[in-house]
């Protein structure tokens, strides 16, 4: 009754560091480009709604913002 039978906390499969690094890099890339796309949409909406650019003007600003982000990042 007084015996302590604990499971090995690291008893699973050994860690695959290459797969972990690939997953981390994918997560960082998706987060970066998701943030860039969100910012580009907000800038395009501001231009389209408040600067009188309309839908196509906002679309052009969106595409230009993505192109600029591609070269900057």
PDB file of N, CA and C in Angstrom:
ATOM      1  N   UNK A   1       0.810  -1.196   0.000  1.00  0.00           N
ATOM      2  CA  UNK A   1       0.000   0.000   0.000  1.00  0.00           C
ATOM      3  C   UNK A   1       0.857   1.266   0.000  1.00  0.00           C
ATOM      4  N   UNK A   2       2.004   1.176   0.635  1.00  0.00           N
ATOM      5  CA  UNK A   2       2.817   2.381   0.712  1.00  0.00           C
ATOM      6  C   UNK A   2       3.801   2.501  -0.448  1.00  0.00           C
ATOM      7  N   UNK A   3       3.725   1.578  -1.380  1.00  0.00           N
ATOM      8  CA  UNK A   3       4.628   1.661  -2.521  1.00  0.00           C
ATOM      9  C   UNK A   3       4.180   2.769  -3.472  1.00  0.00           C
ATOM     10  N   UNK A   4       5.141   3.475  -4.002  1.00  0.00           N
ATOM     11  CA  UNK A   4       4.851   4.533  -4.967  1.00  0.00           C
ATOM     12  C   UNK A   4       5.166   4.004  -6.363  1.00  0.00           C
ATOM     13  N   UNK A   5       4.144   3.755  -7.111  1.00  0.00           N
ATOM     14  CA  UNK A   5       4.345   3.311  -8.490  1.00  0.00           C
ATOM     15  C   UNK A   5       3.976   4.462  -9.411  1.00  0.00           C
ATOM     16  N   UNK A   6       4.985   5.102  -9.912  1.00  0.00           N
ATOM     17  CA  UNK A   6       4.769   6.249 -10.791  1.00  0.00           C
ATOM     18  C   UNK A   6       5.164   5.876 -12.216  1.00  0.00           C
ATOM     19  N   UNK A   7       4.470   6.450 -13.130  1.00  0.00           N
ATOM     20  CA  UNK A   7       4.820   6.247 -14.529  1.00  0.00           C
ATOM     21  C   UNK A   7       6.033   7.099 -14.868  1.00  0.00           C
ATOM     22  N   UNK A   8       6.792   6.629 -15.801  1.00  0.00           N
ATOM     23  CA  UNK A   8       7.956   7.385 -16.251  1.00  0.00           C
ATOM     24  C   UNK A   8       7.466   8.605 -17.023  1.00  0.00           C
ATOM     25  N   UNK A   9       7.773   9.834 -16.553  1.00  0.00           N
ATOM     26  CA  UNK A   9       7.242  11.019 -17.249  1.00  0.00           C
ATOM     27  C   UNK A   9       7.792  11.184 -18.664  1.00  0.00           C
ATOM     28  N   UNK A  10       8.938  10.625 -18.926  1.00  0.00           N
ATOM     29  CA  UNK A  10       9.523  10.719 -20.260  1.00  0.00           C
ATOM     30  C   UNK A  10       9.542   9.353 -20.935  1.00  0.00           C
ATOM     31  N   UNK A  11       8.531   8.572 -20.682  1.00  0.00           N
ATOM     32  CA  UNK A  11       8.508   7.210 -21.176  1.00  0.00           C
ATOM     33  C   UNK A  11       8.015   7.061 -22.598  1.00  0.00           C
ATOM     34  N   UNK A  12       7.660   8.146 -23.242  1.00  0.00           N
ATOM     35  CA  UNK A  12       7.163   8.063 -24.610  1.00  0.00           C
ATOM     36  C   UNK A  12       8.289   7.840 -25.594  1.00  0.00           C
ATOM     37  N   UNK A  13       7.979   8.054 -26.818  1.00  0.00           N
ATOM     38  CA  UNK A  13       8.978   7.906 -27.870  1.00  0.00           C
ATOM     39  C   UNK A  13      10.031   9.002 -27.722  1.00  0.00           C
ATOM     40  N   UNK A  14      11.237   8.732 -28.152  1.00  0.00           N
ATOM     41  CA  UNK A  14      12.263   9.778 -28.085  1.00  0.00           C
ATOM     42  C   UNK A  14      11.876  10.958 -28.974  1.00  0.00           C
ATOM     43  N   UNK A  15      12.314  12.132 -28.552  1.00  0.00           N
ATOM     44  CA  UNK A  15      11.934  13.347 -29.262  1.00  0.00           C
ATOM     45  C   UNK A  15      12.637  13.413 -30.615  1.00  0.00           C
ATOM     46  N   UNK A  16      11.857  13.713 -31.636  1.00  0.00           N
ATOM     47  CA  UNK A  16      12.389  13.871 -32.984  1.00  0.00           C
ATOM     48  C   UNK A  16      12.654  15.362 -33.194  1.00  0.00           C
ATOM     49  N   UNK A  17      13.895  15.775 -32.977  1.00  0.00           N
ATOM     50  CA  UNK A  17      14.226  17.192 -33.000  1.00  0.00           C
ATOM     51  C   UNK A  17      14.100  17.804 -34.389  1.00  0.00           C
ATOM     52  N   UNK A  18      14.377  17.040 -35.415  1.00  0.00           N
ATOM     53  CA  UNK A  18      14.220  17.579 -36.774  1.00  0.00           C
ATOM     54  C   UNK A  18      12.754  17.878 -37.060  1.00  0.00           C
ATOM     55  N   UNK A  19      11.875  16.973 -36.689  1.00  0.00           N
ATOM     56  CA  UNK A  19      10.444  17.196 -36.911  1.00  0.00           C
ATOM     57  C   UNK A  19       9.938  18.354 -36.059  1.00  0.00           C
ATOM     58  N   UNK A  20      10.446  18.455 -34.837  1.00  0.00           N
ATOM     59  CA  UNK A  20      10.058  19.562 -33.960  1.00  0.00           C
ATOM     60  C   UNK A  20      10.489  20.898 -34.563  1.00  0.00           C
ATOM     61  N   UNK A  21      11.696  20.945 -35.085  1.00  0.00           N
ATOM     62  CA  UNK A  21      12.187  22.188 -35.682  1.00  0.00           C
ATOM     63  C   UNK A  21      11.398  22.555 -36.939  1.00  0.00           C
ATOM     64  N   UNK A  22      11.048  21.576 -37.765  1.00  0.00           N
ATOM     65  CA  UNK A  22      10.246  21.852 -38.960  1.00  0.00           C
ATOM     66  C   UNK A  22       8.857  22.363 -38.576  1.00  0.00           C
ATOM     67  N   UNK A  23       8.265  21.763 -37.550  1.00  0.00           N
ATOM     68  CA  UNK A  23       6.949  22.211 -37.096  1.00  0.00           C
ATOM     69  C   UNK A  23       7.024  23.631 -36.549  1.00  0.00           C
ATOM     70  N   UNK A  24       8.062  23.923 -35.765  1.00  0.00           N
ATOM     71  CA  UNK A  24       8.235  25.261 -35.210  1.00  0.00           C
ATOM     72  C   UNK A  24       8.419  26.292 -36.317  1.00  0.00           C
ATOM     73  N   UNK A  25       9.254  25.975 -37.309  1.00  0.00           N
ATOM     74  CA  UNK A  25       9.478  26.915 -38.412  1.00  0.00           C
ATOM     75  C   UNK A  25       8.203  27.150 -39.216  1.00  0.00           C
ATOM     76  N   UNK A  26       7.401  26.102 -39.412  1.00  0.00           N
ATOM     77  CA  UNK A  26       6.123  26.265 -40.106  1.00  0.00           C
ATOM     78  C   UNK A  26       5.182  27.148 -39.298  1.00  0.00           C
ATOM     79  N   UNK A  27       5.130  26.934 -37.990  1.00  0.00           N
ATOM     80  CA  UNK A  27       4.289  27.759 -37.127  1.00  0.00           C
ATOM     81  C   UNK A  27       4.706  29.225 -37.191  1.00  0.00           C
ATOM     82  N   UNK A  28       5.993  29.491 -37.130  1.00  0.00           N
ATOM     83  CA  UNK A  28       6.489  30.870 -37.192  1.00  0.00           C
ATOM     84  C   UNK A  28       6.154  31.500 -38.542  1.00  0.00           C
ATOM     85  N   UNK A  29       6.335  30.762 -39.628  1.00  0.00           N
ATOM     86  CA  UNK A  29       6.035  31.296 -40.960  1.00  0.00           C
ATOM     87  C   UNK A  29       4.545  31.590 -41.114  1.00  0.00           C
ATOM     88  N   UNK A  30       3.692  30.670 -40.660  1.00  0.00           N
ATOM     89  CA  UNK A  30       2.247  30.904 -40.771  1.00  0.00           C
ATOM     90  C   UNK A  30       1.803  32.069 -39.899  1.00  0.00           C
ATOM     91  N   UNK A  31       2.396  32.202 -38.730  1.00  0.00           N
ATOM     92  CA  UNK A  31       2.064  33.329 -37.858  1.00  0.00           C
ATOM     93  C   UNK A  31       2.498  34.645 -38.490  1.00  0.00           C
ATOM     94  N   UNK A  32       3.709  34.663 -39.047  1.00  0.00           N
ATOM     95  CA  UNK A  32       4.225  35.886 -39.680  1.00  0.00           C
ATOM     96  C   UNK A  32       3.346  36.299 -40.853  1.00  0.00           C
ATOM     97  N   UNK A  33       3.046  35.361 -41.755  1.00  0.00           N
ATOM     98  CA  UNK A  33       2.273  35.705 -42.945  1.00  0.00           C
ATOM     99  C   UNK A  33       0.803  35.931 -42.618  1.00  0.00           C
ATOM    100  N   UNK A  34       0.298  35.295 -41.588  1.00  0.00           N
ATOM    101  CA  UNK A  34      -1.068  35.588 -41.146  1.00  0.00           C
ATOM    102  C   UNK A  34      -1.182  37.003 -40.610  1.00  0.00           C
ATOM    103  N   UNK A  35      -0.170  37.434 -39.869  1.00  0.00           N
ATOM    104  CA  UNK A  35      -0.142  38.803 -39.357  1.00  0.00           C
ATOM    105  C   UNK A  35      -0.004  39.805 -40.495  1.00  0.00           C
ATOM    106  N   UNK A  36       0.856  39.503 -41.459  1.00  0.00           N
ATOM    107  CA  UNK A  36       1.034  40.387 -42.618  1.00  0.00           C
ATOM    108  C   UNK A  36      -0.269  40.496 -43.402  1.00  0.00           C
ATOM    109  N   UNK A  37      -0.944  39.376 -43.625  1.00  0.00           N
ATOM    110  CA  UNK A  37      -2.204  39.393 -44.374  1.00  0.00           C
ATOM    111  C   UNK A  37      -3.277  40.177 -43.630  1.00  0.00           C
ATOM    112  N   UNK A  38      -3.334  40.027 -42.310  1.00  0.00           N
ATOM    113  CA  UNK A  38      -4.312  40.776 -41.519  1.00  0.00           C
ATOM    114  C   UNK A  38      -4.038  42.274 -41.597  1.00  0.00           C
ATOM    115  N   UNK A  39      -2.774  42.659 -41.467  1.00  0.00           N
ATOM    116  CA  UNK A  39      -2.423  44.076 -41.565  1.00  0.00           C
ATOM    117  C   UNK A  39      -2.723  44.613 -42.963  1.00  0.00           C
ATOM    118  N   UNK A  40      -2.445  43.827 -44.001  1.00  0.00           N
ATOM    119  CA  UNK A  40      -2.718  44.266 -45.372  1.00  0.00           C
ATOM    120  C   UNK A  40      -4.213  44.440 -45.603  1.00  0.00           C
ATOM    121  N   UNK A  41      -5.022  43.544 -45.049  1.00  0.00           N
ATOM    122  CA  UNK A  41      -6.482  43.680 -45.177  1.00  0.00           C
ATOM    123  C   UNK A  41      -6.959  44.944 -44.477  1.00  0.00           C
ATOM    124  N   UNK A  42      -6.434  45.220 -43.291  1.00  0.00           N
ATOM    125  CA  UNK A  42      -6.857  46.424 -42.565  1.00  0.00           C
ATOM    126  C   UNK A  42      -6.450  47.697 -43.304  1.00  0.00           C
ATOM    127  N   UNK A  43      -5.241  47.718 -43.848  1.00  0.00           N
ATOM    128  CA  UNK A  43      -4.795  48.887 -44.617  1.00  0.00           C
ATOM    129  C   UNK A  43      -5.649  49.051 -45.866  1.00  0.00           C
ATOM    130  N   UNK A  44      -5.929  47.951 -46.556  1.00  0.00           N
ATOM    131  CA  UNK A  44      -6.746  48.016 -47.771  1.00  0.00           C
ATOM    132  C   UNK A  44      -8.165  48.461 -47.459  1.00  0.00           C
ATOM    133  N   UNK A  45      -8.727  47.985 -46.352  1.00  0.00           N
ATOM    134  CA  UNK A  45     -10.081  48.405 -45.973  1.00  0.00           C
ATOM    135  C   UNK A  45     -10.110  49.892 -45.623  1.00  0.00           C
ATOM    136  N   UNK A  46      -9.087  50.359 -44.913  1.00  0.00           N
ATOM    137  CA  UNK A  46      -9.033  51.780 -44.580  1.00  0.00           C
ATOM    138  C   UNK A  46      -8.941  52.618 -45.849  1.00  0.00           C
ATOM    139  N   UNK A  47      -8.119  52.179 -46.798  1.00  0.00           N
ATOM    140  CA  UNK A  47      -8.006  52.918 -48.052  1.00  0.00           C
ATOM    141  C   UNK A  47      -9.310  52.857 -48.840  1.00  0.00           C
ATOM    142  N   UNK A  48      -9.906  51.685 -48.899  1.00  0.00           N
ATOM    143  CA  UNK A  48     -11.127  51.525 -49.687  1.00  0.00           C
ATOM    144  C   UNK A  48     -12.319  52.257 -49.104  1.00  0.00           C
ATOM    145  N   UNK A  49     -12.466  52.223 -47.781  1.00  0.00           N
ATOM    146  CA  UNK A  49     -13.642  52.826 -47.150  1.00  0.00           C
ATOM    147  C   UNK A  49     -13.477  54.313 -46.865  1.00  0.00           C
ATOM    148  N   UNK A  50     -12.316  54.702 -46.358  1.00  0.00           N
ATOM    149  CA  UNK A  50     -12.168  56.070 -45.867  1.00  0.00           C
ATOM    150  C   UNK A  50     -11.447  57.003 -46.827  1.00  0.00           C
ATOM    151  N   UNK A  51     -10.655  56.473 -47.730  1.00  0.00           N
ATOM    152  CA  UNK A  51      -9.924  57.333 -48.658  1.00  0.00           C
ATOM    153  C   UNK A  51     -10.603  57.409 -50.014  1.00  0.00           C
ATOM    154  N   UNK A  52     -11.740  56.776 -50.144  1.00  0.00           N
ATOM    155  CA  UNK A  52     -12.485  56.841 -51.393  1.00  0.00           C
ATOM    156  C   UNK A  52     -11.930  55.963 -52.490  1.00  0.00           C
ATOM    157  N   UNK A  53     -11.144  54.978 -52.143  1.00  0.00           N
ATOM    158  CA  UNK A  53     -10.540  54.114 -53.154  1.00  0.00           C
ATOM    159  C   UNK A  53     -11.491  53.082 -53.716  1.00  0.00           C
ATOM    160  N   UNK A  54     -12.527  52.759 -52.967  1.00  0.00           N
ATOM    161  CA  UNK A  54     -13.466  51.744 -53.425  1.00  0.00           C
ATOM    162  C   UNK A  54     -12.891  50.340 -53.324  1.00  0.00           C
ATOM    163  N   UNK A  55     -13.648  49.385 -53.859  1.00  0.00           N
ATOM    164  CA  UNK A  55     -13.245  47.980 -53.758  1.00  0.00           C
ATOM    165  C   UNK A  55     -11.955  47.702 -54.517  1.00  0.00           C
ATOM    166  N   UNK A  56     -11.887  48.147 -55.757  1.00  0.00           N
ATOM    167  CA  UNK A  56     -10.711  47.836 -56.571  1.00  0.00           C
ATOM    168  C   UNK A  56      -9.472  48.595 -56.097  1.00  0.00           C
ATOM    169  N   UNK A  57      -9.661  49.797 -55.604  1.00  0.00           N
ATOM    170  CA  UNK A  57      -8.531  50.521 -55.022  1.00  0.00           C
ATOM    171  C   UNK A  57      -8.001  49.814 -53.785  1.00  0.00           C
ATOM    172  N   UNK A  58      -8.911  49.337 -52.945  1.00  0.00           N
ATOM    173  CA  UNK A  58      -8.499  48.573 -51.770  1.00  0.00           C
ATOM    174  C   UNK A  58      -7.823  47.274 -52.142  1.00  0.00           C
ATOM    175  N   UNK A  59      -8.324  46.634 -53.195  1.00  0.00           N
ATOM    176  CA  UNK A  59      -7.719  45.388 -53.664  1.00  0.00           C
ATOM    177  C   UNK A  59      -6.294  45.626 -54.164  1.00  0.00           C
ATOM    178  N   UNK A  60      -6.109  46.715 -54.880  1.00  0.00           N
ATOM    179  CA  UNK A  60      -4.768  47.053 -55.372  1.00  0.00           C
ATOM    180  C   UNK A  60      -3.830  47.339 -54.205  1.00  0.00           C
ATOM    181  N   UNK A  61      -4.313  48.071 -53.210  1.00  0.00           N
ATOM    182  CA  UNK A  61      -3.487  48.361 -52.032  1.00  0.00           C
ATOM    183  C   UNK A  61      -3.147  47.072 -51.284  1.00  0.00           C
ATOM    184  N   UNK A  62      -4.106  46.150 -51.198  1.00  0.00           N
ATOM    185  CA  UNK A  62      -3.868  44.862 -50.543  1.00  0.00           C
ATOM    186  C   UNK A  62      -2.752  44.092 -51.240  1.00  0.00           C
ATOM    187  N   UNK A  63      -2.834  44.007 -52.551  1.00  0.00           N
ATOM    188  CA  UNK A  63      -1.815  43.279 -53.315  1.00  0.00           C
ATOM    189  C   UNK A  63      -0.460  43.972 -53.193  1.00  0.00           C
ATOM    190  N   UNK A  64      -0.447  45.293 -53.266  1.00  0.00           N
ATOM    191  CA  UNK A  64       0.816  46.024 -53.123  1.00  0.00           C
ATOM    192  C   UNK A  64       1.418  45.833 -51.736  1.00  0.00           C
ATOM    193  N   UNK A  65       0.579  45.823 -50.703  1.00  0.00           N
ATOM    194  CA  UNK A  65       1.082  45.611 -49.341  1.00  0.00           C
ATOM    195  C   UNK A  65       1.693  44.223 -49.194  1.00  0.00           C
ATOM    196  N   UNK A  66       1.084  43.215 -49.817  1.00  0.00           N
ATOM    197  CA  UNK A  66       1.649  41.866 -49.758  1.00  0.00           C
ATOM    198  C   UNK A  66       2.970  41.783 -50.519  1.00  0.00           C
ATOM    199  N   UNK A  67       3.054  42.479 -51.648  1.00  0.00           N
ATOM    200  CA  UNK A  67       4.300  42.476 -52.423  1.00  0.00           C
ATOM    201  C   UNK A  67       5.416  43.157 -51.639  1.00  0.00           C
ATOM    202  N   UNK A  68       5.103  44.288 -51.019  1.00  0.00           N
ATOM    203  CA  UNK A  68       6.104  44.985 -50.200  1.00  0.00           C
ATOM    204  C   UNK A  68       6.552  44.094 -49.045  1.00  0.00           C
ATOM    205  N   UNK A  69       5.600  43.436 -48.389  1.00  0.00           N
ATOM    206  CA  UNK A  69       5.946  42.546 -47.272  1.00  0.00           C
ATOM    207  C   UNK A  69       6.812  41.383 -47.745  1.00  0.00           C
ATOM    208  N   UNK A  70       6.560  40.875 -48.945  1.00  0.00           N
ATOM    209  CA  UNK A  70       7.359  39.769 -49.482  1.00  0.00           C
ATOM    210  C   UNK A  70       8.827  40.174 -49.612  1.00  0.00           C
ATOM    211  N   UNK A  71       9.065  41.411 -50.092  1.00  0.00           N
ATOM    212  CA  UNK A  71      10.443  41.849 -50.283  1.00  0.00           C
ATOM    213  C   UNK A  71      11.090  42.308 -48.978  1.00  0.00           C
ATOM    214  N   UNK A  72      10.298  42.826 -48.051  1.00  0.00           N
ATOM    215  CA  UNK A  72      10.856  43.298 -46.781  1.00  0.00           C
ATOM    216  C   UNK A  72      11.160  42.131 -45.845  1.00  0.00           C
ATOM    217  N   UNK A  73      10.253  41.167 -45.805  1.00  0.00           N
ATOM    218  CA  UNK A  73      10.448  40.051 -44.875  1.00  0.00           C
ATOM    219  C   UNK A  73      11.168  38.927 -45.569  1.00  0.00           C
TER     220      UNK A  73
END
